[in-house]
N, C-alpha and C. Protein backbone atom coordinates (compact mmCIF):
# COMPACT_ATOMS: atom_id res chain seq x y z
N MET A 1 -10.06 2.54 21.73
CA MET A 1 -8.78 2.31 21.10
C MET A 1 -8.43 3.54 20.25
N THR A 2 -7.23 4.04 20.41
CA THR A 2 -6.77 5.21 19.67
C THR A 2 -6.26 4.78 18.30
N ALA A 3 -6.67 5.50 17.27
CA ALA A 3 -6.21 5.20 15.92
C ALA A 3 -4.73 5.56 15.78
N ARG A 4 -3.98 4.70 15.14
CA ARG A 4 -2.56 4.98 14.91
C ARG A 4 -2.39 5.82 13.67
N SER A 5 -1.32 6.54 13.63
CA SER A 5 -1.00 7.36 12.47
C SER A 5 0.24 6.79 11.80
N PHE A 6 0.20 6.69 10.50
CA PHE A 6 1.34 6.20 9.74
C PHE A 6 1.76 7.31 8.77
N PRO A 7 2.76 8.12 9.16
CA PRO A 7 3.12 9.28 8.34
C PRO A 7 3.59 8.88 6.94
N THR A 8 3.20 9.71 6.00
CA THR A 8 3.59 9.49 4.60
C THR A 8 4.90 10.21 4.31
N PRO A 9 5.59 9.85 3.26
CA PRO A 9 5.25 8.80 2.28
C PRO A 9 5.59 7.41 2.82
N TRP A 10 4.90 6.42 2.27
CA TRP A 10 5.22 5.04 2.58
C TRP A 10 6.18 4.54 1.52
N ILE A 11 7.18 3.79 1.93
CA ILE A 11 8.17 3.30 0.99
C ILE A 11 8.29 1.78 1.08
N VAL A 12 8.85 1.18 0.03
CA VAL A 12 9.04 -0.26 -0.03
C VAL A 12 10.53 -0.56 0.04
N ASN A 13 10.92 -1.40 0.98
CA ASN A 13 12.31 -1.85 1.09
C ASN A 13 12.34 -3.37 0.95
N GLU A 14 13.32 -3.86 0.19
CA GLU A 14 13.46 -5.30 0.03
C GLU A 14 14.37 -5.84 1.13
N THR A 15 13.93 -6.94 1.74
CA THR A 15 14.74 -7.68 2.70
C THR A 15 14.90 -9.09 2.15
N THR A 16 15.54 -9.96 2.88
CA THR A 16 15.72 -11.33 2.43
C THR A 16 14.36 -12.04 2.40
N GLY A 17 13.88 -12.36 1.22
CA GLY A 17 12.63 -13.10 1.07
C GLY A 17 11.36 -12.31 1.29
N ALA A 18 11.46 -10.97 1.36
CA ALA A 18 10.25 -10.19 1.61
C ALA A 18 10.45 -8.73 1.20
N PHE A 19 9.33 -8.06 1.02
CA PHE A 19 9.32 -6.60 0.85
C PHE A 19 8.62 -6.04 2.07
N ARG A 20 9.21 -4.99 2.63
CA ARG A 20 8.67 -4.35 3.84
C ARG A 20 8.19 -2.96 3.46
N VAL A 21 6.91 -2.69 3.71
CA VAL A 21 6.34 -1.36 3.49
C VAL A 21 6.49 -0.60 4.80
N GLU A 22 7.13 0.58 4.73
CA GLU A 22 7.40 1.38 5.93
C GLU A 22 6.79 2.76 5.78
N ASP A 23 6.42 3.35 6.92
CA ASP A 23 6.00 4.75 6.89
C ASP A 23 7.25 5.63 6.91
N SER A 24 7.07 6.96 6.87
CA SER A 24 8.22 7.85 6.77
C SER A 24 9.09 7.83 8.02
N ALA A 25 8.57 7.29 9.13
CA ALA A 25 9.36 7.16 10.36
C ALA A 25 10.15 5.85 10.38
N GLY A 26 9.96 5.03 9.36
CA GLY A 26 10.65 3.74 9.28
C GLY A 26 9.95 2.61 9.99
N ASP A 27 8.73 2.87 10.49
CA ASP A 27 7.96 1.82 11.16
C ASP A 27 7.30 0.91 10.12
N PRO A 28 7.34 -0.41 10.34
CA PRO A 28 6.74 -1.33 9.36
C PRO A 28 5.22 -1.24 9.35
N ILE A 29 4.68 -1.28 8.15
CA ILE A 29 3.23 -1.28 7.97
C ILE A 29 2.77 -2.64 7.47
N ALA A 30 3.52 -3.20 6.53
CA ALA A 30 3.14 -4.49 5.95
C ALA A 30 4.38 -5.20 5.41
N TRP A 31 4.28 -6.49 5.32
CA TRP A 31 5.31 -7.32 4.72
C TRP A 31 4.65 -8.16 3.64
N THR A 32 5.32 -8.31 2.50
CA THR A 32 4.88 -9.27 1.48
C THR A 32 6.05 -10.22 1.25
N TYR A 33 5.79 -11.50 1.42
CA TYR A 33 6.85 -12.50 1.34
C TYR A 33 6.86 -13.18 -0.02
N PHE A 34 8.05 -13.62 -0.42
CA PHE A 34 8.17 -14.32 -1.69
C PHE A 34 9.22 -15.42 -1.54
N ALA A 35 9.19 -16.31 -2.49
CA ALA A 35 10.20 -17.37 -2.55
C ALA A 35 10.89 -17.28 -3.91
N ASP A 36 12.21 -17.40 -3.89
CA ASP A 36 12.94 -17.35 -5.15
C ASP A 36 12.54 -18.51 -6.05
N ASP A 37 12.17 -19.63 -5.44
CA ASP A 37 11.68 -20.80 -6.17
C ASP A 37 10.34 -21.19 -5.57
N PRO A 38 9.23 -20.50 -5.99
CA PRO A 38 7.92 -20.76 -5.39
C PRO A 38 7.48 -22.22 -5.48
N GLU A 39 7.88 -22.91 -6.54
CA GLU A 39 7.44 -24.30 -6.70
C GLU A 39 8.13 -25.22 -5.70
N GLY A 40 9.33 -24.84 -5.25
CA GLY A 40 10.05 -25.66 -4.28
C GLY A 40 9.77 -25.24 -2.85
N PHE A 41 8.89 -24.27 -2.66
CA PHE A 41 8.56 -23.76 -1.34
C PHE A 41 7.72 -24.78 -0.59
N ALA A 42 8.06 -25.08 0.66
CA ALA A 42 7.39 -26.14 1.40
C ALA A 42 6.04 -25.70 1.98
N GLY A 43 5.84 -24.42 2.20
CA GLY A 43 4.60 -23.94 2.82
C GLY A 43 3.49 -23.75 1.81
N PRO A 44 2.47 -22.97 2.20
CA PRO A 44 1.38 -22.69 1.26
C PRO A 44 1.94 -21.96 0.04
N ALA A 45 1.17 -21.87 -1.00
CA ALA A 45 1.64 -21.28 -2.26
C ALA A 45 2.32 -19.94 -2.02
N ALA A 46 3.55 -19.85 -2.40
CA ALA A 46 4.34 -18.63 -2.22
C ALA A 46 4.22 -17.74 -3.45
N MET A 47 4.35 -16.44 -3.20
CA MET A 47 4.37 -15.49 -4.32
C MET A 47 5.76 -15.45 -4.93
N THR A 48 5.79 -15.06 -6.19
CA THR A 48 7.08 -14.80 -6.82
C THR A 48 7.58 -13.44 -6.32
N ARG A 49 8.83 -13.15 -6.57
CA ARG A 49 9.39 -11.85 -6.17
C ARG A 49 8.61 -10.72 -6.82
N ASP A 50 8.31 -10.84 -8.12
CA ASP A 50 7.58 -9.79 -8.83
C ASP A 50 6.17 -9.59 -8.27
N GLU A 51 5.48 -10.68 -7.95
CA GLU A 51 4.14 -10.56 -7.36
C GLU A 51 4.19 -9.85 -6.01
N ALA A 52 5.13 -10.25 -5.17
CA ALA A 52 5.25 -9.63 -3.84
C ALA A 52 5.62 -8.15 -3.96
N HIS A 53 6.48 -7.82 -4.91
CA HIS A 53 6.87 -6.41 -5.11
C HIS A 53 5.69 -5.58 -5.60
N ARG A 54 4.93 -6.12 -6.53
CA ARG A 54 3.76 -5.41 -7.05
C ARG A 54 2.74 -5.13 -5.95
N ILE A 55 2.50 -6.10 -5.08
CA ILE A 55 1.55 -5.92 -3.99
C ILE A 55 2.09 -4.91 -2.97
N ALA A 56 3.37 -4.98 -2.66
CA ALA A 56 3.97 -4.04 -1.72
C ALA A 56 3.86 -2.61 -2.25
N LYS A 57 4.12 -2.43 -3.56
CA LYS A 57 3.99 -1.08 -4.14
C LYS A 57 2.55 -0.59 -4.09
N ALA A 58 1.59 -1.48 -4.30
CA ALA A 58 0.18 -1.09 -4.23
C ALA A 58 -0.18 -0.66 -2.80
N ILE A 59 0.31 -1.38 -1.81
CA ILE A 59 0.06 -1.00 -0.41
C ILE A 59 0.66 0.37 -0.14
N ALA A 60 1.88 0.61 -0.61
CA ALA A 60 2.56 1.88 -0.38
C ALA A 60 1.82 3.06 -1.02
N MET A 61 1.01 2.79 -2.02
CA MET A 61 0.26 3.86 -2.71
C MET A 61 -1.06 4.21 -2.02
N ILE A 62 -1.46 3.48 -1.01
CA ILE A 62 -2.76 3.71 -0.37
C ILE A 62 -2.96 5.15 0.09
N PRO A 63 -2.00 5.78 0.79
CA PRO A 63 -2.24 7.17 1.21
C PRO A 63 -2.46 8.12 0.04
N GLU A 64 -1.70 7.95 -1.04
CA GLU A 64 -1.87 8.80 -2.21
C GLU A 64 -3.24 8.59 -2.85
N MET A 65 -3.66 7.34 -2.94
CA MET A 65 -4.95 7.05 -3.56
C MET A 65 -6.09 7.62 -2.71
N ARG A 66 -5.97 7.55 -1.38
CA ARG A 66 -7.01 8.13 -0.52
C ARG A 66 -7.12 9.63 -0.75
N THR A 67 -5.98 10.30 -0.91
CA THR A 67 -5.98 11.74 -1.17
C THR A 67 -6.64 12.05 -2.51
N ILE A 68 -6.32 11.27 -3.52
CA ILE A 68 -6.91 11.48 -4.84
C ILE A 68 -8.42 11.27 -4.80
N ILE A 69 -8.86 10.20 -4.14
CA ILE A 69 -10.29 9.91 -4.04
C ILE A 69 -11.00 11.02 -3.28
N ARG A 70 -10.42 11.47 -2.17
CA ARG A 70 -11.03 12.54 -1.38
C ARG A 70 -11.16 13.81 -2.21
N THR A 71 -10.12 14.14 -2.98
CA THR A 71 -10.15 15.33 -3.83
C THR A 71 -11.24 15.22 -4.89
N LEU A 72 -11.36 14.04 -5.50
CA LEU A 72 -12.40 13.83 -6.50
C LEU A 72 -13.79 13.94 -5.89
N GLN A 73 -13.97 13.37 -4.70
CA GLN A 73 -15.27 13.44 -4.03
C GLN A 73 -15.62 14.89 -3.69
N GLU A 74 -14.66 15.67 -3.22
CA GLU A 74 -14.91 17.07 -2.90
C GLU A 74 -15.28 17.85 -4.15
N GLY A 75 -14.61 17.54 -5.27
CA GLY A 75 -14.93 18.20 -6.53
C GLY A 75 -16.34 17.87 -6.99
N LEU A 76 -16.76 16.61 -6.81
CA LEU A 76 -18.12 16.22 -7.19
C LEU A 76 -19.15 16.92 -6.32
N THR A 77 -18.85 17.03 -5.03
CA THR A 77 -19.76 17.71 -4.13
C THR A 77 -19.92 19.17 -4.50
N GLU A 78 -18.81 19.82 -4.84
CA GLU A 78 -18.88 21.23 -5.26
C GLU A 78 -19.67 21.37 -6.54
N THR A 79 -19.48 20.46 -7.49
CA THR A 79 -20.20 20.52 -8.76
C THR A 79 -21.69 20.32 -8.53
N GLU A 80 -22.06 19.39 -7.66
CA GLU A 80 -23.47 19.16 -7.36
C GLU A 80 -24.09 20.38 -6.70
N GLY A 81 -23.34 21.04 -5.82
CA GLY A 81 -23.83 22.23 -5.16
C GLY A 81 -24.05 23.39 -6.12
N GLU A 82 -23.17 23.52 -7.10
CA GLU A 82 -23.34 24.57 -8.12
C GLU A 82 -24.53 24.29 -9.01
N ALA A 83 -24.79 23.01 -9.30
CA ALA A 83 -25.91 22.66 -10.18
C ALA A 83 -27.26 22.93 -9.50
N GLU A 84 -27.29 22.87 -8.17
CA GLU A 84 -28.53 23.09 -7.44
C GLU A 84 -28.88 24.57 -7.33
N THR A 85 -27.90 25.46 -7.46
CA THR A 85 -28.17 26.89 -7.30
C THR A 85 -28.59 27.54 -8.59
């Protein structure tokens, strides 16, 4: 199976009852659904709009966080290499 690529940046767009996380090509990556009245929602426990938005924003930050972590790891590796010499 070939790995798919999701070009950055990822953005969050609000639709009716959901937030859609999209890559820079506009392809959907994730949806977070909410109910305006979660207590009156007939299905399983629904998220509030704020909860769904917060989660969608966290998903959209994944590529940036991976870059930051990779940079930190490379810095630690370089520091360890200098300490050994």
